[in-house]
Amino acid sequence: MNGSPSPAPEDVVWDLPGDAPHRLSLLVLPHAGGNAHAYSEWRDHLPADVRLLVGQYPGRGARYCEDLPESVDDLALPVVGALPSDTGPLVVLGHSMGSLVAFEVARALQAAGRAPAGLVASACRAPVLPNQCPVHPERLDDDQLVAAIKERGGTDDGILDDPELREIVLPSIRADFAIDDAYRCTAPGVRLDCPVAVFGGDADPIVPVEMLGGWSTVAGHPVTPEVLPGDHFYFQQDLPGFFARLNPSLQALRDSTAAPA
């Protein structure tokens, strides 16, 4: 990505505060082909004192003119560099491929002595495992790729069915799926210092429930996944129900990192 212009921090990390001073920040990293806008509605479901930060990847939104990403580092490291300095305790959450990005963000913060308060992985294999359900976008023409995306869900079919909009979004989707296909963390004995929570859907054909426990290998503690009804994008089918499970987890992390009175 050497030819890319340097993006403004506010274009890399959207900052959506609540109506009260924040005691915790939640950084959300989107799925493959996703963008920050898709997660901005989460603001309405979070407590007022949780600040919502959403990562925006290259090749979309205000970062549309940047080179397309070629690796997880191209997705994660600009986010790390653009985080506001006053996040306070930070929980990093990713969905699907975004969980791998979140893992690398957490690793980078940990290496810099700024380990997050927690990591939440959603509908994703453990980062030490190979992708068991690759898309192989390099083998697919545009129509085949659109069919594969629709099968997975998570993207508005209206965008994929509009020729002009499809031309805009497909390059970044191809880039993301290529990254997701290839990614595997091979660092020996890698562990996160922060607590790890895992969520998934009970009917997810991409990441079955039995795979979610694999996050124990990088958590340093046994992980018991929170399983909700639904497929790979289970939270879209019942967003209030998802936050009814997520918000208590955020509260517990916030309480565990609160400074003594």
C-alpha atoms as a PDB file:
ATOM      1  CA  MET A   1       0.000   0.000   0.000  1.00  0.00           C
ATOM      2  CA  ASN A   2       2.968   2.278  -0.547  1.00  0.00           C
ATOM      3  CA  GLY A   3       1.125   4.420  -3.088  1.00  0.00           C
ATOM      4  CA  SER A   4      -1.802   5.246  -0.827  1.00  0.00           C
ATOM      5  CA  PRO A   5      -2.372   8.740   0.518  1.00  0.00           C
ATOM      6  CA  SER A   6      -2.203   9.022   4.291  1.00  0.00           C
ATOM      7  CA  PRO A   7      -5.773   8.872   5.603  1.00  0.00           C
ATOM      8  CA  ALA A   8      -7.069  11.176   8.318  1.00  0.00           C
ATOM      9  CA  PRO A   9      -7.431   9.369  11.663  1.00  0.00           C
ATOM     10  CA  GLU A  10     -11.153  10.155  11.781  1.00  0.00           C
ATOM     11  CA  ASP A  11     -11.564   8.384   8.434  1.00  0.00           C
ATOM     12  CA  VAL A  12      -9.826   5.253   9.747  1.00  0.00           C
ATOM     13  CA  VAL A  13     -11.653   5.097  13.085  1.00  0.00           C
ATOM     14  CA  TRP A  14     -15.160   6.511  13.318  1.00  0.00           C
ATOM     15  CA  ASP A  15     -15.834   8.030  16.750  1.00  0.00           C
ATOM     16  CA  LEU A  16     -19.449   7.733  17.921  1.00  0.00           C
ATOM     17  CA  PRO A  17     -19.679   8.763  21.592  1.00  0.00           C
ATOM     18  CA  GLY A  18     -22.741   8.351  23.735  1.00  0.00           C
ATOM     19  CA  ASP A  19     -24.581  10.986  25.729  1.00  0.00           C
ATOM     20  CA  ALA A  20     -22.483  10.531  28.865  1.00  0.00           C
ATOM     21  CA  PRO A  21     -18.732  10.697  29.558  1.00  0.00           C
ATOM     22  CA  HIS A  22     -17.318   7.372  28.463  1.00  0.00           C
ATOM     23  CA  ARG A  23     -15.964   4.858  30.954  1.00  0.00           C
ATOM     24  CA  LEU A  24     -15.233   2.296  28.249  1.00  0.00           C
ATOM     25  CA  SER A  25     -14.579   2.363  24.504  1.00  0.00           C
ATOM     26  CA  LEU A  26     -15.742  -0.406  22.163  1.00  0.00           C
ATOM     27  CA  LEU A  27     -13.758  -0.706  18.921  1.00  0.00           C
ATOM     28  CA  VAL A  28     -15.613  -2.683  16.244  1.00  0.00           C
ATOM     29  CA  LEU A  29     -13.819  -4.192  13.221  1.00  0.00           C
ATOM     30  CA  PRO A  30     -16.095  -5.097  10.288  1.00  0.00           C
ATOM     31  CA  HIS A  31     -16.425  -8.380   8.409  1.00  0.00           C
ATOM     32  CA  ALA A  32     -14.910  -9.074   4.978  1.00  0.00           C
ATOM     33  CA  GLY A  33     -16.423  -6.618   2.525  1.00  0.00           C
ATOM     34  CA  GLY A  34     -17.953  -4.656   5.403  1.00  0.00           C
ATOM     35  CA  ASN A  35     -17.610  -0.987   6.228  1.00  0.00           C
ATOM     36  CA  ALA A  36     -17.970   1.292   9.224  1.00  0.00           C
ATOM     37  CA  HIS A  37     -21.428   2.480   8.211  1.00  0.00           C
ATOM     38  CA  ALA A  38     -22.830  -1.047   8.652  1.00  0.00           C
ATOM     39  CA  TYR A  39     -22.014  -0.929  12.372  1.00  0.00           C
ATOM     40  CA  SER A  40     -22.855   2.691  13.166  1.00  0.00           C
ATOM     41  CA  GLU A  41     -26.385   1.691  14.272  1.00  0.00           C
ATOM     42  CA  TRP A  42     -24.805  -0.159  17.191  1.00  0.00           C
ATOM     43  CA  ARG A  43     -24.595   3.238  18.895  1.00  0.00           C
ATOM     44  CA  ASP A  44     -28.328   3.031  19.628  1.00  0.00           C
ATOM     45  CA  HIS A  45     -27.929  -0.259  21.514  1.00  0.00           C
ATOM     46  CA  LEU A  46     -24.936   0.581  23.721  1.00  0.00           C
ATOM     47  CA  PRO A  47     -24.997   2.235  27.156  1.00  0.00           C
ATOM     48  CA  ALA A  48     -24.528   6.004  27.061  1.00  0.00           C
ATOM     49  CA  ASP A  49     -21.139   5.731  28.784  1.00  0.00           C
ATOM     50  CA  VAL A  50     -19.689   3.309  26.218  1.00  0.00           C
ATOM     51  CA  ARG A  51     -17.944   5.121  23.373  1.00  0.00           C
ATOM     52  CA  LEU A  52     -18.342   3.372  20.002  1.00  0.00           C
ATOM     53  CA  LEU A  53     -15.325   3.337  17.683  1.00  0.00           C
ATOM     54  CA  VAL A  54     -15.647   1.633  14.292  1.00  0.00           C
ATOM     55  CA  GLY A  55     -12.757   0.791  11.975  1.00  0.00           C
ATOM     56  CA  GLN A  56     -12.987   1.705   8.296  1.00  0.00           C
ATOM     57  CA  TYR A  57     -10.817  -0.367   5.956  1.00  0.00           C
ATOM     58  CA  PRO A  58      -9.002   0.886   2.831  1.00  0.00           C
ATOM     59  CA  GLY A  59     -10.952   0.983  -0.418  1.00  0.00           C
ATOM     60  CA  ARG A  60     -14.272   2.157   1.001  1.00  0.00           C
ATOM     61  CA  GLY A  61     -15.892   5.343   2.270  1.00  0.00           C
ATOM     62  CA  ALA A  62     -13.489   8.243   2.661  1.00  0.00           C
ATOM     63  CA  ARG A  63     -10.643   5.723   2.141  1.00  0.00           C
ATOM     64  CA  TYR A  64     -11.915   4.660  -1.283  1.00  0.00           C
ATOM     65  CA  CYS A  65      -8.918   6.084  -3.172  1.00  0.00           C
ATOM     66  CA  GLU A  66      -6.361   4.179  -1.104  1.00  0.00           C
ATOM     67  CA  ASP A  67      -4.710   1.036  -2.415  1.00  0.00           C
ATOM     68  CA  LEU A  68      -6.684  -2.082  -1.645  1.00  0.00           C
ATOM     69  CA  PRO A  69      -5.452  -4.065   1.373  1.00  0.00           C
ATOM     70  CA  GLU A  70      -3.219  -7.073   0.791  1.00  0.00           C
ATOM     71  CA  SER A  71      -2.765  -8.363   4.337  1.00  0.00           C
ATOM     72  CA  VAL A  72      -4.314  -8.238   7.787  1.00  0.00           C
ATOM     73  CA  ASP A  73      -1.644  -5.686   8.718  1.00  0.00           C
ATOM     74  CA  ASP A  74      -3.052  -3.352   6.055  1.00  0.00           C
ATOM     75  CA  LEU A  75      -6.384  -3.553   7.873  1.00  0.00           C
ATOM     76  CA  ALA A  76      -5.208  -3.554  11.493  1.00  0.00           C
ATOM     77  CA  LEU A  77      -2.194  -1.264  11.782  1.00  0.00           C
ATOM     78  CA  PRO A  78      -3.838   1.938  10.465  1.00  0.00           C
ATOM     79  CA  VAL A  79      -6.593   1.386  13.043  1.00  0.00           C
ATOM     80  CA  VAL A  80      -4.040   1.075  15.834  1.00  0.00           C
ATOM     81  CA  GLY A  81      -2.384   4.296  14.678  1.00  0.00           C
ATOM     82  CA  ALA A  82      -5.684   6.183  14.438  1.00  0.00           C
ATOM     83  CA  LEU A  83      -7.143   5.286  17.836  1.00  0.00           C
ATOM     84  CA  PRO A  84      -7.991   8.365  19.924  1.00  0.00           C
ATOM     85  CA  SER A  85      -5.568   8.919  22.760  1.00  0.00           C
ATOM     86  CA  ASP A  86      -8.363   9.143  25.332  1.00  0.00           C
ATOM     87  CA  THR A  87     -10.088   5.811  24.718  1.00  0.00           C
ATOM     88  CA  GLY A  88      -9.749   4.742  28.334  1.00  0.00           C
ATOM     89  CA  PRO A  89     -10.335   1.008  28.864  1.00  0.00           C
ATOM     90  CA  LEU A  90     -10.788  -0.461  25.391  1.00  0.00           C
ATOM     91  CA  VAL A  91     -12.625  -3.584  24.254  1.00  0.00           C
ATOM     92  CA  VAL A  92     -11.879  -4.713  20.709  1.00  0.00           C
ATOM     93  CA  LEU A  93     -14.637  -6.597  18.875  1.00  0.00           C
ATOM     94  CA  GLY A  94     -14.609  -8.109  15.412  1.00  0.00           C
ATOM     95  CA  HIS A  95     -17.153  -9.983  13.363  1.00  0.00           C
ATOM     96  CA  SER A  96     -16.071 -12.827  11.048  1.00  0.00           C
ATOM     97  CA  MET A  97     -12.818 -11.694   9.351  1.00  0.00           C
ATOM     98  CA  GLY A  98     -13.017  -8.634  11.598  1.00  0.00           C
ATOM     99  CA  SER A  99     -12.248 -10.932  14.550  1.00  0.00           C
ATOM    100  CA  LEU A 100      -8.872 -11.704  12.976  1.00  0.00           C
ATOM    101  CA  VAL A 101      -8.281  -7.981  12.498  1.00  0.00           C
ATOM    102  CA  ALA A 102      -9.335  -7.405  16.113  1.00  0.00           C
ATOM    103  CA  PHE A 103      -6.884 -10.084  17.245  1.00  0.00           C
ATOM    104  CA  GLU A 104      -4.027  -8.364  15.406  1.00  0.00           C
ATOM    105  CA  VAL A 105      -5.072  -4.972  16.782  1.00  0.00           C
ATOM    106  CA  ALA A 106      -5.023  -6.465  20.284  1.00  0.00           C
ATOM    107  CA  ARG A 107      -1.596  -8.014  19.662  1.00  0.00           C
ATOM    108  CA  ALA A 108      -0.199  -4.697  18.434  1.00  0.00           C
ATOM    109  CA  LEU A 109      -1.603  -2.817  21.417  1.00  0.00           C
ATOM    110  CA  GLN A 110      -0.271  -5.482  23.769  1.00  0.00           C
ATOM    111  CA  ALA A 111       3.201  -5.239  22.195  1.00  0.00           C
ATOM    112  CA  ALA A 112       3.086  -1.468  22.723  1.00  0.00           C
ATOM    113  CA  GLY A 113       2.235  -1.883  26.405  1.00  0.00           C
ATOM    114  CA  ARG A 114      -1.400  -0.826  25.843  1.00  0.00           C
ATOM    115  CA  ALA A 115      -3.194  -4.171  26.091  1.00  0.00           C
ATOM    116  CA  PRO A 116      -6.958  -3.795  25.699  1.00  0.00           C
ATOM    117  CA  ALA A 117      -9.399  -4.595  28.480  1.00  0.00           C
ATOM    118  CA  GLY A 118     -10.835  -7.426  26.411  1.00  0.00           C
ATOM    119  CA  LEU A 119     -11.337  -8.999  22.989  1.00  0.00           C
ATOM    120  CA  VAL A 120     -14.715 -10.148  21.657  1.00  0.00           C
ATOM    121  CA  ALA A 121     -14.596 -12.495  18.658  1.00  0.00           C
ATOM    122  CA  SER A 122     -17.780 -13.105  16.686  1.00  0.00           C
ATOM    123  CA  ALA A 123     -18.455 -15.885  14.166  1.00  0.00           C
ATOM    124  CA  CYS A 124     -14.817 -16.582  13.408  1.00  0.00           C
ATOM    125  CA  ARG A 125     -12.304 -19.406  13.590  1.00  0.00           C
ATOM    126  CA  ALA A 126      -9.401 -19.119  16.007  1.00  0.00           C
ATOM    127  CA  PRO A 127      -6.532 -17.166  14.401  1.00  0.00           C
ATOM    128  CA  VAL A 128      -4.127 -20.100  14.703  1.00  0.00           C
ATOM    129  CA  LEU A 129      -6.368 -22.214  12.452  1.00  0.00           C
ATOM    130  CA  PRO A 130      -6.489 -22.180   8.642  1.00  0.00           C
ATOM    131  CA  ASN A 131      -9.634 -20.960   6.932  1.00  0.00           C
ATOM    132  CA  GLN A 132     -11.870 -24.012   6.715  1.00  0.00           C
ATOM    133  CA  CYS A 133     -14.342 -22.294   4.369  1.00  0.00           C
ATOM    134  CA  PRO A 134     -12.311 -20.241   1.852  1.00  0.00           C
ATOM    135  CA  VAL A 135     -14.033 -18.221  -0.872  1.00  0.00           C
ATOM    136  CA  HIS A 136     -11.149 -18.245  -3.418  1.00  0.00           C
ATOM    137  CA  PRO A 137     -12.205 -14.920  -4.969  1.00  0.00           C
ATOM    138  CA  GLU A 138      -9.382 -15.168  -7.512  1.00  0.00           C
ATOM    139  CA  ARG A 139     -11.194 -18.108  -9.100  1.00  0.00           C
ATOM    140  CA  LEU A 140     -14.576 -16.378  -9.336  1.00  0.00           C
ATOM    141  CA  ASP A 141     -15.929 -13.939 -11.884  1.00  0.00           C
ATOM    142  CA  ASP A 142     -18.083 -11.073 -10.631  1.00  0.00           C
ATOM    143  CA  ASP A 143     -21.378 -12.964 -10.866  1.00  0.00           C
ATOM    144  CA  GLN A 144     -19.952 -15.971  -9.032  1.00  0.00           C
ATOM    145  CA  LEU A 145     -18.499 -13.747  -6.323  1.00  0.00           C
ATOM    146  CA  VAL A 146     -21.826 -11.972  -5.854  1.00  0.00           C
ATOM    147  CA  ALA A 147     -23.540 -15.353  -5.516  1.00  0.00           C
ATOM    148  CA  ALA A 148     -20.994 -16.393  -2.861  1.00  0.00           C
ATOM    149  CA  ILE A 149     -21.539 -13.147  -0.942  1.00  0.00           C
ATOM    150  CA  LYS A 150     -25.308 -13.514  -1.019  1.00  0.00           C
ATOM    151  CA  GLU A 151     -25.002 -17.049   0.289  1.00  0.00           C
ATOM    152  CA  ARG A 152     -23.012 -15.824   3.285  1.00  0.00           C
ATOM    153  CA  GLY A 153     -25.306 -12.861   3.943  1.00  0.00           C
ATOM    154  CA  GLY A 154     -24.409  -9.575   5.598  1.00  0.00           C
ATOM    155  CA  THR A 155     -24.438  -7.428   2.456  1.00  0.00           C
ATOM    156  CA  ASP A 156     -27.456  -5.571   1.096  1.00  0.00           C
ATOM    157  CA  ASP A 157     -28.596  -7.426  -2.017  1.00  0.00           C
ATOM    158  CA  GLY A 158     -29.708  -4.097  -3.485  1.00  0.00           C
ATOM    159  CA  ILE A 159     -26.087  -2.977  -3.626  1.00  0.00           C
ATOM    160  CA  LEU A 160     -24.969  -6.227  -5.227  1.00  0.00           C
ATOM    161  CA  ASP A 161     -27.773  -6.106  -7.799  1.00  0.00           C
ATOM    162  CA  ASP A 162     -27.055  -2.514  -8.887  1.00  0.00           C
ATOM    163  CA  PRO A 163     -24.346  -2.621 -11.623  1.00  0.00           C
ATOM    164  CA  GLU A 164     -22.804   0.745 -10.683  1.00  0.00           C
ATOM    165  CA  LEU A 165     -22.736   0.075  -6.950  1.00  0.00           C
ATOM    166  CA  ARG A 166     -21.455  -3.457  -7.503  1.00  0.00           C
ATOM    167  CA  GLU A 167     -18.531  -2.090  -9.496  1.00  0.00           C
ATOM    168  CA  ILE A 168     -17.649   0.121  -6.534  1.00  0.00           C
ATOM    169  CA  VAL A 169     -17.837  -2.504  -3.769  1.00  0.00           C
ATOM    170  CA  LEU A 170     -16.581  -5.703  -5.415  1.00  0.00           C
ATOM    171  CA  PRO A 171     -12.847  -4.800  -5.508  1.00  0.00           C
ATOM    172  CA  SER A 172     -12.674  -4.315  -1.735  1.00  0.00           C
ATOM    173  CA  ILE A 173     -14.748  -7.453  -1.161  1.00  0.00           C
ATOM    174  CA  ARG A 174     -12.342  -9.456  -3.334  1.00  0.00           C
ATOM    175  CA  ALA A 175      -9.375  -8.050  -1.431  1.00  0.00           C
ATOM    176  CA  ASP A 176     -10.881  -8.837   1.967  1.00  0.00           C
ATOM    177  CA  PHE A 177     -11.823 -12.411   1.107  1.00  0.00           C
ATOM    178  CA  ALA A 178      -8.323 -13.051  -0.264  1.00  0.00           C
ATOM    179  CA  ILE A 179      -6.890 -11.852   3.057  1.00  0.00           C
ATOM    180  CA  ASP A 180      -9.341 -13.968   5.051  1.00  0.00           C
ATOM    181  CA  ASP A 181      -8.546 -17.035   2.919  1.00  0.00           C
ATOM    182  CA  ALA A 182      -4.800 -16.732   3.489  1.00  0.00           C
ATOM    183  CA  TYR A 183      -4.576 -15.532   7.083  1.00  0.00           C
ATOM    184  CA  ARG A 184      -3.220 -17.780   9.793  1.00  0.00           C
ATOM    185  CA  CYS A 185      -1.239 -16.681  12.841  1.00  0.00           C
ATOM    186  CA  THR A 186       1.838 -18.922  13.078  1.00  0.00           C
ATOM    187  CA  ALA A 187       3.627 -17.120  15.898  1.00  0.00           C
ATOM    188  CA  PRO A 188       4.601 -19.857  18.385  1.00  0.00           C
ATOM    189  CA  GLY A 189       2.722 -19.824  21.661  1.00  0.00           C
ATOM    190  CA  VAL A 190       0.950 -16.526  20.959  1.00  0.00           C
ATOM    191  CA  ARG A 191      -1.314 -15.459  23.830  1.00  0.00           C
ATOM    192  CA  LEU A 192      -3.366 -12.388  24.616  1.00  0.00           C
ATOM    193  CA  ASP A 193      -3.052 -10.809  28.050  1.00  0.00           C
ATOM    194  CA  CYS A 194      -6.680  -9.677  28.068  1.00  0.00           C
ATOM    195  CA  PRO A 195      -9.892 -11.659  28.615  1.00  0.00           C
ATOM    196  CA  VAL A 196     -11.435 -13.143  25.460  1.00  0.00           C
ATOM    197  CA  ALA A 197     -15.164 -13.648  24.850  1.00  0.00           C
ATOM    198  CA  VAL A 198     -16.598 -15.447  21.824  1.00  0.00           C
ATOM    199  CA  PHE A 199     -20.028 -15.189  20.199  1.00  0.00           C
ATOM    200  CA  GLY A 200     -21.600 -17.143  17.348  1.00  0.00           C
ATOM    201  CA  GLY A 201     -24.802 -18.339  15.736  1.00  0.00           C
ATOM    202  CA  ASP A 202     -26.233 -21.798  16.364  1.00  0.00           C
ATOM    203  CA  ALA A 203     -26.910 -22.340  12.635  1.00  0.00           C
ATOM    204  CA  ASP A 204     -23.759 -20.730  11.199  1.00  0.00           C
ATOM    205  CA  PRO A 205     -22.647 -22.804   8.175  1.00  0.00           C
ATOM    206  CA  ILE A 206     -19.362 -20.860   7.844  1.00  0.00           C
ATOM    207  CA  VAL A 207     -18.112 -21.175  11.428  1.00  0.00           C
ATOM    208  CA  PRO A 208     -20.006 -23.965  13.226  1.00  0.00           C
ATOM    209  CA  VAL A 209     -20.426 -23.675  16.973  1.00  0.00           C
ATOM    210  CA  GLU A 210     -17.891 -26.434  17.654  1.00  0.00           C
ATOM    211  CA  MET A 211     -15.126 -24.303  16.116  1.00  0.00           C
ATOM    212  CA  LEU A 212     -15.640 -21.311  18.397  1.00  0.00           C
ATOM    213  CA  GLY A 213     -13.916 -22.899  21.381  1.00  0.00           C
ATOM    214  CA  GLY A 214     -10.654 -22.843  19.443  1.00  0.00           C
ATOM    215  CA  TRP A 215     -10.134 -19.296  20.717  1.00  0.00           C
ATOM    216  CA  SER A 216      -9.014 -20.896  23.983  1.00  0.00           C
ATOM    217  CA  THR A 217      -5.646 -21.486  22.283  1.00  0.00           C
ATOM    218  CA  VAL A 218      -4.865 -17.751  22.166  1.00  0.00           C
ATOM    219  CA  ALA A 219      -6.881 -16.690  25.205  1.00  0.00           C
ATOM    220  CA  GLY A 220      -4.766 -18.530  27.742  1.00  0.00           C
ATOM    221  CA  HIS A 221      -7.991 -19.679  29.440  1.00  0.00           C
ATOM    222  CA  PRO A 222     -10.930 -21.894  28.469  1.00  0.00           C
ATOM    223  CA  VAL A 223     -13.480 -20.038  26.354  1.00  0.00           C
ATOM    224  CA  THR A 224     -17.187 -20.817  26.617  1.00  0.00           C
ATOM    225  CA  PRO A 225     -18.868 -19.338  23.537  1.00  0.00           C
ATOM    226  CA  GLU A 226     -22.077 -17.335  23.789  1.00  0.00           C
ATOM    227  CA  VAL A 227     -24.316 -19.017  21.211  1.00  0.00           C
ATOM    228  CA  LEU A 228     -27.326 -17.148  19.847  1.00  0.00           C
ATOM    229  CA  PRO A 229     -29.996 -18.187  17.346  1.00  0.00           C
ATOM    230  CA  GLY A 230     -29.076 -17.505  13.741  1.00  0.00           C
ATOM    231  CA  ASP A 231     -26.575 -17.981  10.944  1.00  0.00           C
ATOM    232  CA  HIS A 232     -23.245 -16.299  10.166  1.00  0.00           C
ATOM    233  CA  PHE A 233     -24.804 -12.855  10.657  1.00  0.00           C
ATOM    234  CA  TYR A 234     -26.892 -13.947  13.630  1.00  0.00           C
ATOM    235  CA  PHE A 235     -26.827 -10.521  15.290  1.00  0.00           C
ATOM    236  CA  GLN A 236     -28.561  -8.894  12.319  1.00  0.00           C
ATOM    237  CA  GLN A 237     -31.556 -11.159  12.905  1.00  0.00           C
ATOM    238  CA  ASP A 238     -32.011  -9.953  16.507  1.00  0.00           C
ATOM    239  CA  LEU A 239     -29.835  -6.959  17.304  1.00  0.00           C
ATOM    240  CA  PRO A 240     -31.530  -6.188  20.661  1.00  0.00           C
ATOM    241  CA  GLY A 241     -31.093  -9.834  21.672  1.00  0.00           C
ATOM    242  CA  PHE A 242     -27.406  -9.689  20.764  1.00  0.00           C
ATOM    243  CA  PHE A 243     -26.842  -6.594  22.871  1.00  0.00           C
ATOM    244  CA  ALA A 244     -28.770  -8.154  25.747  1.00  0.00           C
ATOM    245  CA  ARG A 245     -25.868 -10.643  25.858  1.00  0.00           C
ATOM    246  CA  LEU A 246     -23.025  -8.306  24.831  1.00  0.00           C
ATOM    247  CA  ASN A 247     -23.693  -5.363  27.138  1.00  0.00           C
ATOM    248  CA  PRO A 248     -23.347  -7.402  30.362  1.00  0.00           C
ATOM    249  CA  SER A 249     -19.981  -8.650  29.072  1.00  0.00           C
ATOM    250  CA  LEU A 250     -18.893  -5.058  28.472  1.00  0.00           C
ATOM    251  CA  GLN A 251     -20.115  -4.098  31.943  1.00  0.00           C
ATOM    252  CA  ALA A 252     -18.054  -6.890  33.519  1.00  0.00           C
ATOM    253  CA  LEU A 253     -14.936  -5.781  31.651  1.00  0.00           C
ATOM    254  CA  ARG A 254     -15.561  -2.161  32.592  1.00  0.00           C
ATOM    255  CA  ASP A 255     -15.949  -3.081  36.242  1.00  0.00           C
ATOM    256  CA  SER A 256     -12.786  -5.182  36.178  1.00  0.00           C
ATOM    257  CA  THR A 257     -10.742  -2.274  34.826  1.00  0.00           C
ATOM    258  CA  ALA A 258     -12.302   0.480  36.943  1.00  0.00           C
ATOM    259  CA  ALA A 259      -9.787   2.361  39.049  1.00  0.00           C
ATOM    260  CA  PRO A 260     -10.255   2.109  42.820  1.00  0.00           C
ATOM    261  CA  ALA A 261     -12.217   4.985  44.300  1.00  0.00           C
END
